[in-house]
Amino acid sequence: MKGIVVSDILKARRTVLGLVLFLIPALTLLYEIVNFLFRSEILHSQANERNADMWQLFLYDKQFFLCLALPIGITIAASVIANIEHQAEAWKQTLTFPVPRIKVFLSKFVLLLSGSFLSAVLLMVGMFLFGVVFNFTSEVPWAKIIGDSFFPYIATVPIMVIQLWLSLTIKNQAFSITIGAVSTMGGLFFALSSVTKWLPWAYPLNSSTIRMNYNSNTLMLNPDLWSVLFLSCMLGVVLILLGGINFSRKEIH
């Protein structure tokens, strides 16, 4: 298994995978930089109205852009990983190696997951520096910064598996990317309903540590956070097993 993962990492070094995963935190922070530069007075007023400090407002506000950038970035990253084999017409050679096919699938997933967590580290560092540059005067909420860096990526694990399976089993990457883009847009609406908020595409928006209490118009800790993360991990494990079994039995060309 280690050898397969190392091989996939070496193949991925010649692709734009690193750039795609870097752009997720970079574009999220760029959006917030523009937001705080041009709407600083409005944002400070909103923080006062919602009985929150600027750290809380920033962590709440950035989730709306991140919940779009992250699933779309994951979709493109999964496509890049699969396209390494598709473009080189290398599936026949790859699948003749004396290793179970499910390990090939797991290796691709490990590559996507590990790259995503490196992206989360960049987001964490970037958010801390953001607060320093914009001179947030309250104490640095390290627990919330770390949570809002890694929890959204954990919440996208089911999406990672679904998009990777689509990209690996269907050669036309336009199909998997279209599915990823449409489901990402749908996730915004799924997250707003008490019924559909438990669908995996709603998890990224519901994985922030901070949420709006619309009854009092104040910011509060997210009461559904641990339920979302638990469901994401459980569903992710089930989908990995199902996806790996299906990949093992499916003819890949």
Protein backbone atom coordinates (compact mmCIF):
# COMPACT_ATOMS: atom_id res chain seq x y z
CA MET A 1 0.00 0.00 0.00
CA LYS A 2 2.82 2.38 0.85
CA GLY A 3 4.45 1.77 -2.53
CA ILE A 4 1.20 2.51 -4.37
CA VAL A 5 0.70 5.77 -2.46
CA VAL A 6 4.29 6.86 -3.14
CA SER A 7 3.81 6.07 -6.82
CA ASP A 8 0.63 8.16 -6.96
CA ILE A 9 2.38 11.05 -5.21
CA LEU A 10 5.21 10.97 -7.76
CA LYS A 11 2.70 10.97 -10.62
CA ALA A 12 0.77 13.87 -9.07
CA ARG A 13 3.90 16.02 -8.82
CA ARG A 14 3.70 16.58 -12.58
CA THR A 15 0.11 17.87 -12.40
CA VAL A 16 -1.72 20.97 -11.15
CA LEU A 17 -3.04 19.09 -8.10
CA GLY A 18 -0.95 21.14 -5.67
CA LEU A 19 -2.06 24.40 -7.30
CA VAL A 20 -5.75 23.42 -7.11
CA LEU A 21 -5.54 22.57 -3.40
CA PHE A 22 -3.53 25.76 -2.73
CA LEU A 23 -6.18 27.90 -4.43
CA ILE A 24 -8.92 26.76 -2.01
CA PRO A 25 -7.51 28.65 1.02
CA ALA A 26 -5.90 31.33 -1.15
CA LEU A 27 -9.12 32.39 -2.87
CA THR A 28 -11.07 32.19 0.40
CA LEU A 29 -8.64 34.54 2.11
CA LEU A 30 -8.44 36.81 -0.94
CA TYR A 31 -12.22 37.18 -0.84
CA GLU A 32 -12.05 38.15 2.84
CA ILE A 33 -9.16 40.57 2.23
CA VAL A 34 -11.27 42.42 -0.35
CA ASN A 35 -14.28 42.24 1.95
CA PHE A 36 -12.43 43.73 4.93
CA LEU A 37 -10.64 46.37 2.86
CA PHE A 38 -13.77 47.79 1.26
CA ARG A 39 -16.44 47.02 3.89
CA SER A 40 -14.48 47.51 7.11
CA GLU A 41 -16.90 49.97 8.72
CA ILE A 42 -19.94 47.85 7.84
CA LEU A 43 -18.29 44.72 9.23
CA HIS A 44 -17.37 46.42 12.50
CA SER A 45 -20.96 47.63 12.78
CA GLN A 46 -22.25 44.11 12.13
CA ALA A 47 -19.95 42.73 14.83
CA ASN A 48 -21.37 45.21 17.36
CA GLU A 49 -24.96 44.43 16.35
CA ARG A 50 -24.36 40.70 16.71
CA ASN A 51 -22.53 40.99 20.03
CA ALA A 52 -19.40 39.43 18.52
CA ASP A 53 -15.73 40.29 18.10
CA MET A 54 -14.02 40.53 14.71
CA TRP A 55 -12.58 37.02 14.95
CA GLN A 56 -16.06 35.55 15.29
CA LEU A 57 -17.42 37.64 12.44
CA PHE A 58 -14.49 36.69 10.20
CA LEU A 59 -14.85 32.96 10.94
CA TYR A 60 -18.58 33.11 10.28
CA ASP A 61 -18.28 35.18 7.11
CA LYS A 62 -15.54 33.17 5.42
CA GLN A 63 -17.58 29.96 5.60
CA PHE A 64 -19.92 31.08 2.82
CA PHE A 65 -17.11 31.38 0.27
CA LEU A 66 -15.24 28.34 1.59
CA CYS A 67 -18.32 26.10 1.26
CA LEU A 68 -18.24 26.88 -2.48
CA ALA A 69 -14.49 26.86 -3.05
CA LEU A 70 -13.86 23.64 -1.12
CA PRO A 71 -16.27 21.20 -2.87
CA ILE A 72 -15.42 22.62 -6.30
CA GLY A 73 -11.70 22.41 -5.51
CA ILE A 74 -12.15 18.82 -4.33
CA THR A 75 -14.06 18.02 -7.53
CA ILE A 76 -11.25 19.38 -9.72
CA ALA A 77 -8.55 17.72 -7.58
CA ALA A 78 -10.28 14.33 -7.88
CA SER A 79 -10.50 14.82 -11.64
CA VAL A 80 -6.80 15.68 -11.85
CA ILE A 81 -5.86 12.52 -9.91
CA ALA A 82 -8.02 10.31 -12.13
CA ASN A 83 -6.87 12.00 -15.34
CA ILE A 84 -3.29 10.92 -14.65
CA GLU A 85 -4.34 7.40 -15.60
CA HIS A 86 -7.03 8.31 -18.14
CA GLN A 87 -4.85 10.59 -20.28
CA ALA A 88 -1.91 8.20 -20.31
CA GLU A 89 -4.20 5.25 -21.13
CA ALA A 90 -2.45 3.57 -18.21
CA TRP A 91 -5.32 1.75 -16.52
CA LYS A 92 -4.53 -1.61 -18.13
CA GLN A 93 -0.94 -1.41 -16.88
CA THR A 94 -1.89 -0.07 -13.44
CA LEU A 95 -4.53 -2.73 -12.82
CA THR A 96 -2.22 -5.59 -13.85
CA PHE A 97 0.03 -4.96 -10.85
CA PRO A 98 -0.17 -7.77 -8.25
CA VAL A 99 -2.16 -5.68 -5.77
CA PRO A 100 -5.89 -5.73 -5.02
CA ARG A 101 -7.83 -3.16 -7.03
CA ILE A 102 -9.38 -1.77 -3.87
CA LYS A 103 -5.89 -0.69 -2.78
CA VAL A 104 -5.52 1.27 -6.01
CA PHE A 105 -8.77 3.09 -5.17
CA LEU A 106 -7.70 3.66 -1.56
CA SER A 107 -4.34 5.01 -2.69
CA LYS A 108 -6.03 7.64 -4.86
CA PHE A 109 -8.25 8.58 -1.93
CA VAL A 110 -5.28 8.83 0.47
CA LEU A 111 -3.58 11.16 -2.02
CA LEU A 112 -6.66 13.39 -2.23
CA LEU A 113 -7.23 13.35 1.55
CA SER A 114 -3.61 14.09 2.48
CA GLY A 115 -3.42 16.91 -0.08
CA SER A 116 -6.65 18.34 1.32
CA PHE A 117 -5.28 18.37 4.85
CA LEU A 118 -2.16 20.18 3.69
CA SER A 119 -4.56 22.72 2.18
CA ALA A 120 -6.26 22.95 5.59
CA VAL A 121 -2.90 23.73 7.22
CA LEU A 122 -2.40 26.60 4.75
CA LEU A 123 -5.89 27.88 5.57
CA MET A 124 -5.12 27.79 9.30
CA VAL A 125 -1.87 29.74 8.90
CA GLY A 126 -3.57 32.16 6.51
CA MET A 127 -6.45 32.87 8.91
CA PHE A 128 -4.08 33.59 11.77
CA LEU A 129 -2.03 35.98 9.61
CA PHE A 130 -5.26 37.59 8.40
CA GLY A 131 -6.21 38.48 11.97
CA VAL A 132 -2.73 39.85 12.64
CA VAL A 133 -2.66 41.99 9.48
CA PHE A 134 -6.15 43.41 10.12
CA ASN A 135 -5.30 43.98 13.78
CA PHE A 136 -8.04 41.98 15.44
CA THR A 137 -7.65 43.16 19.01
CA SER A 138 -9.36 40.31 20.86
CA GLU A 139 -7.50 37.19 21.98
CA VAL A 140 -6.68 34.75 19.17
CA PRO A 141 -9.29 31.93 19.33
CA TRP A 142 -6.92 29.11 18.43
CA ALA A 143 -9.47 26.33 18.98
CA LYS A 144 -11.94 27.96 16.58
CA ILE A 145 -9.23 28.76 14.00
CA ILE A 146 -8.00 25.16 14.01
CA GLY A 147 -11.58 23.88 13.92
CA ASP A 148 -12.62 26.15 11.05
CA SER A 149 -9.50 25.10 9.14
CA PHE A 150 -9.87 21.31 9.42
CA PHE A 151 -13.57 20.67 10.09
CA PRO A 152 -14.74 21.83 6.62
CA TYR A 153 -12.29 19.40 5.00
CA ILE A 154 -13.46 16.58 7.27
CA ALA A 155 -17.03 17.48 6.31
CA THR A 156 -16.19 17.02 2.61
CA VAL A 157 -14.89 13.44 2.99
CA PRO A 158 -18.12 11.94 1.52
CA ILE A 159 -17.87 14.41 -1.38
CA MET A 160 -14.24 13.41 -1.89
CA VAL A 161 -15.20 9.74 -2.21
CA ILE A 162 -18.15 10.41 -4.53
CA GLN A 163 -16.18 12.69 -6.84
CA LEU A 164 -13.15 10.41 -6.88
CA TRP A 165 -15.31 7.40 -7.75
CA LEU A 166 -17.01 9.33 -10.56
CA SER A 167 -13.70 10.58 -11.92
CA LEU A 168 -12.03 7.17 -11.81
CA THR A 169 -14.87 5.16 -13.34
CA ILE A 170 -15.98 7.65 -16.04
CA LYS A 171 -13.30 8.75 -18.49
CA ASN A 172 -15.10 11.92 -19.58
CA GLN A 173 -14.14 14.29 -16.78
CA ALA A 174 -16.66 16.90 -17.91
CA PHE A 175 -19.37 14.65 -16.42
CA SER A 176 -17.85 14.37 -12.94
CA ILE A 177 -16.96 18.07 -12.83
CA THR A 178 -20.50 19.03 -13.86
CA ILE A 179 -21.95 16.79 -11.14
CA GLY A 180 -19.57 18.35 -8.60
CA ALA A 181 -20.43 21.92 -9.62
CA VAL A 182 -24.21 21.35 -9.61
CA SER A 183 -24.15 19.52 -6.27
CA THR A 184 -22.03 22.31 -4.77
CA MET A 185 -24.65 24.88 -5.76
CA GLY A 186 -27.34 22.60 -4.37
CA GLY A 187 -25.47 22.29 -1.10
CA LEU A 188 -26.17 25.95 -0.33
CA PHE A 189 -29.91 25.27 -0.43
CA PHE A 190 -29.64 21.86 1.26
CA ALA A 191 -27.95 23.50 4.26
CA LEU A 192 -30.90 25.85 4.79
CA SER A 193 -33.51 23.12 5.22
CA SER A 194 -33.93 21.05 8.37
CA VAL A 195 -34.62 18.00 6.17
CA THR A 196 -31.84 18.25 3.56
CA LYS A 197 -29.15 19.67 5.84
CA TRP A 198 -28.11 16.08 6.62
CA LEU A 199 -27.19 15.41 2.99
CA PRO A 200 -23.38 15.35 2.48
CA TRP A 201 -23.38 18.39 0.16
CA ALA A 202 -24.75 20.50 3.02
CA TYR A 203 -21.97 19.51 5.42
CA PRO A 204 -19.34 22.11 4.36
CA LEU A 205 -21.59 25.06 5.22
CA ASN A 206 -22.70 23.41 8.47
CA SER A 207 -19.17 22.59 9.64
CA SER A 208 -18.21 26.07 10.86
CA THR A 209 -17.68 26.53 14.60
CA ILE A 210 -19.72 29.74 14.43
CA ARG A 211 -23.35 30.02 13.34
CA MET A 212 -25.95 32.77 13.22
CA ASN A 213 -28.82 32.66 15.70
CA TYR A 214 -31.53 34.19 13.54
CA ASN A 215 -33.92 34.60 16.46
CA SER A 216 -31.61 37.01 18.28
CA ASN A 217 -29.45 38.06 15.28
CA THR A 218 -26.30 37.12 17.18
CA LEU A 219 -23.43 34.73 16.50
CA MET A 220 -23.20 31.54 18.54
CA LEU A 221 -21.36 28.22 18.65
CA ASN A 222 -22.66 25.75 16.07
CA PRO A 223 -24.92 23.24 17.91
CA ASP A 224 -24.87 20.76 14.99
CA LEU A 225 -21.09 20.75 14.51
CA TRP A 226 -20.23 17.40 16.11
CA SER A 227 -23.23 15.67 14.55
CA VAL A 228 -22.14 16.86 11.11
CA LEU A 229 -18.55 15.70 11.64
CA PHE A 230 -19.66 12.32 13.00
CA LEU A 231 -22.02 11.74 10.08
CA SER A 232 -19.37 12.85 7.62
CA CYS A 233 -16.82 10.35 8.98
CA MET A 234 -19.32 7.48 9.17
CA LEU A 235 -20.74 8.13 5.71
CA GLY A 236 -17.22 8.58 4.35
CA VAL A 237 -16.16 5.14 5.61
CA VAL A 238 -19.27 3.50 4.11
CA LEU A 239 -18.76 5.23 0.76
CA ILE A 240 -15.06 4.31 0.68
CA LEU A 241 -15.95 0.65 1.14
CA LEU A 242 -18.75 0.76 -1.46
CA GLY A 243 -16.67 2.76 -3.91
CA GLY A 244 -13.65 0.48 -3.48
CA ILE A 245 -15.75 -2.66 -3.99
CA ASN A 246 -17.43 -1.20 -7.08
CA PHE A 247 -14.07 -0.08 -8.49
CA SER A 248 -12.70 -3.58 -7.96
CA ARG A 249 -15.46 -5.13 -10.03
CA LYS A 250 -15.84 -2.48 -12.73
CA GLU A 251 -14.07 -2.57 -16.08
CA ILE A 252 -11.93 0.57 -16.31
CA HIS A 253 -10.57 1.62 -19.70
